[in-house]
C-alpha atoms as a PDB file:
ATOM      1  CA  MET A   1      87.882  56.758  73.848  1.00  0.00           C
ATOM      2  CA  GLY A   2      85.480  59.600  74.493  1.00  0.00           C
ATOM      3  CA  ASN A   3      84.179  59.635  70.915  1.00  0.00           C
ATOM      4  CA  ASP A   4      83.900  55.862  70.474  1.00  0.00           C
ATOM      5  CA  ASN A   5      80.368  54.562  71.121  1.00  0.00           C
ATOM      6  CA  LYS A   6      81.470  51.119  72.299  1.00  0.00           C
ATOM      7  CA  TYR A   7      83.272  52.726  75.276  1.00  0.00           C
ATOM      8  CA  PHE A   8      80.462  55.139  76.136  1.00  0.00           C
ATOM      9  CA  ALA A   9      79.491  53.381  79.385  1.00  0.00           C
ATOM     10  CA  GLU A  10      83.090  53.182  80.622  1.00  0.00           C
ATOM     11  CA  VAL A  11      83.779  56.828  79.819  1.00  0.00           C
ATOM     12  CA  LYS A  12      80.559  57.897  81.542  1.00  0.00           C
ATOM     13  CA  ALA A  13      81.367  55.859  84.676  1.00  0.00           C
ATOM     14  CA  PHE A  14      84.946  57.098  84.960  1.00  0.00           C
ATOM     15  CA  ASN A  15      83.929  60.719  84.342  1.00  0.00           C
ATOM     16  CA  SER A  16      81.388  60.360  87.129  1.00  0.00           C
ATOM     17  CA  ILE A  17      84.075  58.944  89.430  1.00  0.00           C
ATOM     18  CA  LEU A  18      86.400  61.843  88.593  1.00  0.00           C
ATOM     19  CA  GLU A  19      83.673  64.379  89.355  1.00  0.00           C
ATOM     20  CA  LYS A  20      83.053  62.746  92.725  1.00  0.00           C
ATOM     21  CA  LEU A  21      86.774  62.689  93.543  1.00  0.00           C
ATOM     22  CA  ASN A  22      87.168  66.352  92.585  1.00  0.00           C
ATOM     23  CA  GLY A  23      84.125  67.307  94.662  1.00  0.00           C
ATOM     24  CA  ASN A  24      84.170  68.115  98.351  1.00  0.00           C
ATOM     25  CA  GLN A  25      82.305  64.956  99.313  1.00  0.00           C
ATOM     26  CA  ASN A  26      83.998  63.085 102.141  1.00  0.00           C
ATOM     27  CA  PRO A  27      83.883  60.049 102.055  1.00  0.00           C
ATOM     28  CA  VAL A  28      83.331  59.498  98.343  1.00  0.00           C
ATOM     29  CA  LYS A  29      80.184  57.472  97.668  1.00  0.00           C
ATOM     30  CA  LEU A  30      80.362  55.336  94.518  1.00  0.00           C
ATOM     31  CA  THR A  31      77.427  53.670  92.838  1.00  0.00           C
ATOM     32  CA  LYS A  32      77.513  49.893  92.429  1.00  0.00           C
ATOM     33  CA  ASP A  33      78.330  50.206  88.704  1.00  0.00           C
ATOM     34  CA  GLU A  34      81.165  52.662  89.363  1.00  0.00           C
ATOM     35  CA  LYS A  35      82.662  50.441  92.047  1.00  0.00           C
ATOM     36  CA  ILE A  36      82.478  47.354  89.831  1.00  0.00           C
ATOM     37  CA  ARG A  37      84.089  49.115  86.870  1.00  0.00           C
ATOM     38  CA  LEU A  38      86.818  50.637  89.010  1.00  0.00           C
ATOM     39  CA  SER A  39      87.626  47.357  90.757  1.00  0.00           C
ATOM     40  CA  GLN A  40      87.752  45.497  87.412  1.00  0.00           C
ATOM     41  CA  GLN A  41      90.091  48.126  85.997  1.00  0.00           C
ATOM     42  CA  ILE A  42      92.358  47.854  89.031  1.00  0.00           C
ATOM     43  CA  LYS A  43      92.425  44.042  88.671  1.00  0.00           C
ATOM     44  CA  GLN A  44      93.343  44.326  84.983  1.00  0.00           C
ATOM     45  CA  ASN A  45      96.091  46.817  85.798  1.00  0.00           C
ATOM     46  CA  MET A  46      97.441  44.518  88.514  1.00  0.00           C
ATOM     47  CA  ASP A  47      97.589  41.592  86.070  1.00  0.00           C
ATOM     48  CA  TYR A  48      99.349  43.652  83.396  1.00  0.00           C
ATOM     49  CA  ILE A  49     101.830  45.210  85.816  1.00  0.00           C
ATOM     50  CA  GLY A  50     102.520  41.809  87.382  1.00  0.00           C
ATOM     51  CA  LYS A  51     103.473  40.435  83.966  1.00  0.00           C
ATOM     52  CA  GLN A  52     105.634  43.461  83.214  1.00  0.00           C
ATOM     53  CA  ALA A  53     107.395  43.149  86.578  1.00  0.00           C
ATOM     54  CA  SER A  54     109.035  39.932  85.427  1.00  0.00           C
ATOM     55  CA  LYS A  55     110.312  41.392  82.156  1.00  0.00           C
ATOM     56  CA  GLY A  56     112.905  43.945  81.207  1.00  0.00           C
ATOM     57  CA  PHE A  57     115.941  45.350  82.889  1.00  0.00           C
ATOM     58  CA  PHE A  58     116.486  45.844  86.618  1.00  0.00           C
ATOM     59  CA  LEU A  59     115.077  49.368  86.972  1.00  0.00           C
ATOM     60  CA  LYS A  60     111.881  48.528  85.083  1.00  0.00           C
ATOM     61  CA  ARG A  61     111.312  45.386  87.175  1.00  0.00           C
ATOM     62  CA  TRP A  62     111.940  47.302  90.389  1.00  0.00           C
ATOM     63  CA  LEU A  63     109.494  50.094  89.440  1.00  0.00           C
ATOM     64  CA  MET A  64     106.843  47.651  88.241  1.00  0.00           C
ATOM     65  CA  LYS A  65     107.076  45.561  91.419  1.00  0.00           C
ATOM     66  CA  SER A  66     106.635  48.700  93.501  1.00  0.00           C
ATOM     67  CA  LEU A  67     103.657  49.792  91.409  1.00  0.00           C
ATOM     68  CA  HIS A  68     102.135  46.305  91.583  1.00  0.00           C
ATOM     69  CA  LYS A  69     102.451  46.333  95.364  1.00  0.00           C
ATOM     70  CA  GLN A  70     100.642  49.690  95.530  1.00  0.00           C
ATOM     71  CA  TYR A  71      97.801  48.478  93.291  1.00  0.00           C
ATOM     72  CA  GLN A  72      97.511  45.283  95.322  1.00  0.00           C
ATOM     73  CA  SER A  73      97.306  47.226  98.577  1.00  0.00           C
ATOM     74  CA  LEU A  74      94.697  49.593  97.123  1.00  0.00           C
ATOM     75  CA  TYR A  75      92.582  46.712  95.877  1.00  0.00           C
ATOM     76  CA  GLU A  76      92.788  44.708  99.100  1.00  0.00           C
ATOM     77  CA  ASN A  77      92.032  47.686 101.349  1.00  0.00           C
ATOM     78  CA  HIS A  78      89.170  49.244  99.394  1.00  0.00           C
ATOM     79  CA  PHE A  79      87.716  46.938  96.745  1.00  0.00           C
ATOM     80  CA  LYS A  80      88.086  43.339  97.839  1.00  0.00           C
ATOM     81  CA  ASP A  81      84.656  41.817  98.394  1.00  0.00           C
END
Protein backbone atom coordinates (compact mmCIF):
# COMPACT_ATOMS: atom_id res chain seq x y z
CA MET A 1 0.00 0.00 0.00
CA GLY A 2 2.90 2.35 0.59
CA ASN A 3 3.62 2.77 -3.13
CA ASP A 4 0.01 3.12 -4.28
CA ASN A 5 -1.06 6.76 -4.67
CA LYS A 6 -4.73 6.13 -3.91
CA TYR A 7 -3.79 5.00 -0.37
CA PHE A 8 -1.31 7.82 0.26
CA ALA A 9 -3.48 9.61 2.85
CA GLU A 10 -4.19 6.41 4.80
CA VAL A 11 -0.53 5.38 4.83
CA LYS A 12 0.52 8.86 5.95
CA ALA A 13 -2.06 8.90 8.77
CA PHE A 14 -1.20 5.44 10.06
CA ASN A 15 2.55 6.11 9.88
CA SER A 16 1.97 9.24 11.93
CA ILE A 17 -0.03 7.24 14.48
CA LEU A 18 2.75 4.65 14.71
CA GLU A 19 5.36 7.35 15.28
CA LYS A 20 3.27 8.82 18.08
CA LEU A 21 2.76 5.40 19.69
CA ASN A 22 6.48 4.62 19.50
CA GLY A 23 7.35 8.02 20.99
CA ASN A 24 7.54 8.80 24.67
CA GLN A 25 4.45 10.99 24.62
CA ASN A 26 2.00 10.09 27.38
CA PRO A 27 -0.96 10.33 26.74
CA VAL A 28 -0.85 10.02 22.96
CA LYS A 29 -2.46 13.02 21.25
CA LEU A 30 -4.07 12.21 17.89
CA THR A 31 -5.18 14.75 15.33
CA LYS A 32 -8.84 14.75 14.29
CA ASP A 33 -8.00 13.07 10.96
CA GLU A 34 -5.94 10.35 12.66
CA LYS A 35 -8.69 9.63 15.17
CA ILE A 36 -11.35 9.44 12.46
CA ARG A 37 -9.28 7.10 10.29
CA LEU A 38 -8.37 4.88 13.22
CA SER A 39 -11.94 4.66 14.49
CA GLN A 40 -13.24 3.84 10.98
CA GLN A 41 -10.64 1.11 10.61
CA ILE A 42 -11.59 -0.37 13.98
CA LYS A 43 -15.28 -0.33 12.97
CA GLN A 44 -14.49 -2.10 9.69
CA ASN A 45 -12.41 -4.70 11.53
CA MET A 46 -15.23 -5.26 14.02
CA ASP A 47 -17.73 -5.84 11.20
CA TYR A 48 -15.42 -8.27 9.39
CA ILE A 49 -14.50 -10.19 12.54
CA GLY A 50 -18.15 -10.33 13.59
CA LYS A 51 -19.04 -11.99 10.28
CA GLN A 52 -16.13 -14.41 10.58
CA ALA A 53 -17.13 -15.32 14.14
CA SER A 54 -20.25 -17.02 12.83
CA LYS A 55 -18.40 -19.10 10.24
CA GLY A 56 -15.97 -21.96 10.36
CA PHE A 57 -15.12 -24.58 12.89
CA PHE A 58 -15.28 -24.26 16.68
CA LEU A 59 -11.75 -22.98 17.33
CA LYS A 60 -12.00 -20.28 14.66
CA ARG A 61 -15.37 -19.09 15.98
CA TRP A 62 -14.06 -19.04 19.54
CA LEU A 63 -10.95 -17.02 18.58
CA MET A 64 -12.93 -14.61 16.41
CA LYS A 65 -15.51 -13.99 19.14
CA SER A 66 -12.72 -13.22 21.59
CA LEU A 67 -11.05 -10.87 19.11
CA HIS A 68 -14.38 -9.19 18.33
CA LYS A 69 -14.99 -8.61 22.03
CA GLN A 70 -11.55 -6.98 22.38
CA TYR A 71 -12.14 -4.68 19.38
CA GLN A 72 -15.58 -3.77 20.70
CA SER A 73 -14.18 -2.90 24.12
CA LEU A 74 -11.39 -0.83 22.56
CA TYR A 75 -13.83 1.08 20.39
CA GLU A 76 -16.34 1.73 23.17
CA ASN A 77 -13.71 2.84 25.69
CA HIS A 78 -11.61 5.09 23.45
CA PHE A 79 -13.33 5.99 20.18
CA LYS A 80 -17.07 6.06 20.67
CA ASP A 81 -18.36 9.60 20.17
